[in-house]
Protein backbone atom coordinates (compact mmCIF):
# COMPACT_ATOMS: atom_id res chain seq x y z
CA MET A 1 -0.26 -0.11 -0.33
CA SER A 2 1.54 3.29 -0.80
CA GLU A 3 2.43 6.17 1.55
CA ASP A 4 0.26 8.52 -0.15
CA TYR A 5 -3.18 7.16 1.08
CA HIS A 6 -3.70 9.60 3.44
CA LYS A 7 -4.84 12.59 0.74
CA PHE A 8 -8.00 10.28 -0.04
CA CYS A 9 -8.76 8.33 2.52
CA ARG A 10 -8.03 7.24 6.09
CA ILE A 11 -7.15 4.70 7.92
CA ASN A 12 -7.90 3.64 11.57
CA TYR A 13 -6.94 0.32 13.67
CA TRP A 14 -8.77 -0.41 16.26
CA LYS A 15 -8.53 -3.41 19.00
CA ARG A 16 -10.16 -4.98 21.90
CA ASN A 17 -9.52 -3.93 25.34
CA GLY A 18 -10.26 -6.48 28.62
CA ASP A 19 -14.24 -5.53 29.16
CA GLY A 20 -14.39 -6.06 25.19
CA PHE A 21 -14.87 -2.38 24.12
CA LEU A 22 -12.75 -0.78 20.98
CA SER A 23 -9.66 1.55 21.08
CA TYR A 24 -6.79 3.74 18.89
CA ALA A 25 -3.88 1.39 17.97
CA SER A 26 -2.03 2.07 15.25
CA LYS A 27 -0.62 -0.13 12.78
CA ASP A 28 1.98 -2.11 14.20
CA ASP A 29 -0.07 -3.12 17.25
CA ASP A 30 -2.01 -6.23 17.64
CA TRP A 31 -4.90 -4.68 16.22
CA THR A 32 -8.35 -6.71 15.59
CA GLU A 33 -10.49 -4.26 13.13
CA VAL A 34 -9.34 -1.07 10.91
CA VAL A 35 -12.07 1.50 9.44
CA VAL A 36 -11.39 2.63 6.12
CA ALA A 37 -13.24 6.05 5.10
CA PRO A 38 -12.75 8.71 2.04
CA LEU A 39 -11.56 11.87 2.79
CA SER A 40 -12.42 13.05 -0.08
CA THR A 41 -16.47 13.72 -1.14
CA TYR A 42 -15.51 12.86 -4.97
CA SER A 43 -16.09 9.41 -3.76
CA GLY A 44 -19.52 7.34 -3.55
CA TYR A 45 -17.47 5.46 -1.03
CA GLY A 46 -18.99 5.11 2.59
CA GLU A 47 -16.98 3.75 5.59
CA GLN A 48 -15.96 0.06 5.60
CA ARG A 49 -15.35 -2.49 8.67
CA MET A 50 -12.60 -4.99 8.39
CA VAL A 51 -11.64 -7.80 11.44
CA ARG A 52 -8.65 -9.01 11.23
CA GLU A 53 -7.77 -11.84 9.07
CA SER A 54 -5.70 -14.11 7.02
CA ASN A 55 -6.56 -12.16 4.08
CA THR A 56 -7.17 -8.87 5.32
CA GLU A 57 -3.69 -7.21 4.44
CA TYR A 58 -4.79 -7.64 0.94
CA ASN A 59 -8.17 -6.66 0.99
CA LEU A 60 -7.05 -3.30 2.90
CA ARG A 61 -4.66 -3.05 -0.27
CA ALA A 62 -7.14 -3.10 -2.81
CA LEU A 63 -9.67 -0.94 -0.90
CA VAL A 64 -7.62 1.24 -0.90
CA ASP A 65 -6.68 0.97 -4.65
CA LEU A 66 -10.12 1.43 -5.31
CA LEU A 67 -10.54 4.52 -3.26
CA ARG A 68 -7.24 6.45 -5.03
CA GLN A 69 -9.22 5.30 -7.97
CA ALA A 70 -12.83 6.62 -7.26
CA TYR A 71 -10.32 10.18 -6.14
CA GLU A 72 -8.55 10.49 -8.84
CA ALA A 73 -11.86 10.08 -11.22
CA GLY A 74 -13.53 12.62 -8.91
CA GLN A 75 -10.28 15.40 -9.67
CA ARG A 76 -10.32 14.83 -13.30
CA ASP A 77 -14.56 15.21 -13.28
CA LYS A 78 -14.52 17.82 -11.50
CA LEU A 79 -11.83 19.65 -13.06
CA ARG A 80 -13.52 19.03 -16.38
CA HIS A 81 -16.70 20.99 -14.44
CA ILE A 82 -14.78 24.07 -13.97
CA GLN A 83 -13.23 24.27 -17.58
CA ARG A 84 -16.34 23.97 -18.32
CA THR A 85 -17.78 26.54 -16.15
CA LEU A 86 -15.57 28.84 -16.93
CA GLY A 87 -15.75 28.10 -21.27
CA ILE A 88 -11.80 26.57 -21.34
CA ALA A 89 -11.02 24.64 -23.63
CA SER A 90 -8.78 21.54 -22.56
């Protein structure tokens, strides 16, 4: 997963404490859940939550790649809209 994901999505890691409640964790901790959410209004995707399993890292990378594509497509669409509004030929 690329390190620039913070431009278009937020990733939070969580772990269960002794009482069963979720508390914030880092990627390097023994986390149990990860939550991924887009930062941009360009993306129609909502928050996604995954429980840690053997394939979670693969699914996380795939989701971040999907959010990157949605973000980039949204930026291009917004730029075209601005150019049309201003009468700028692209």
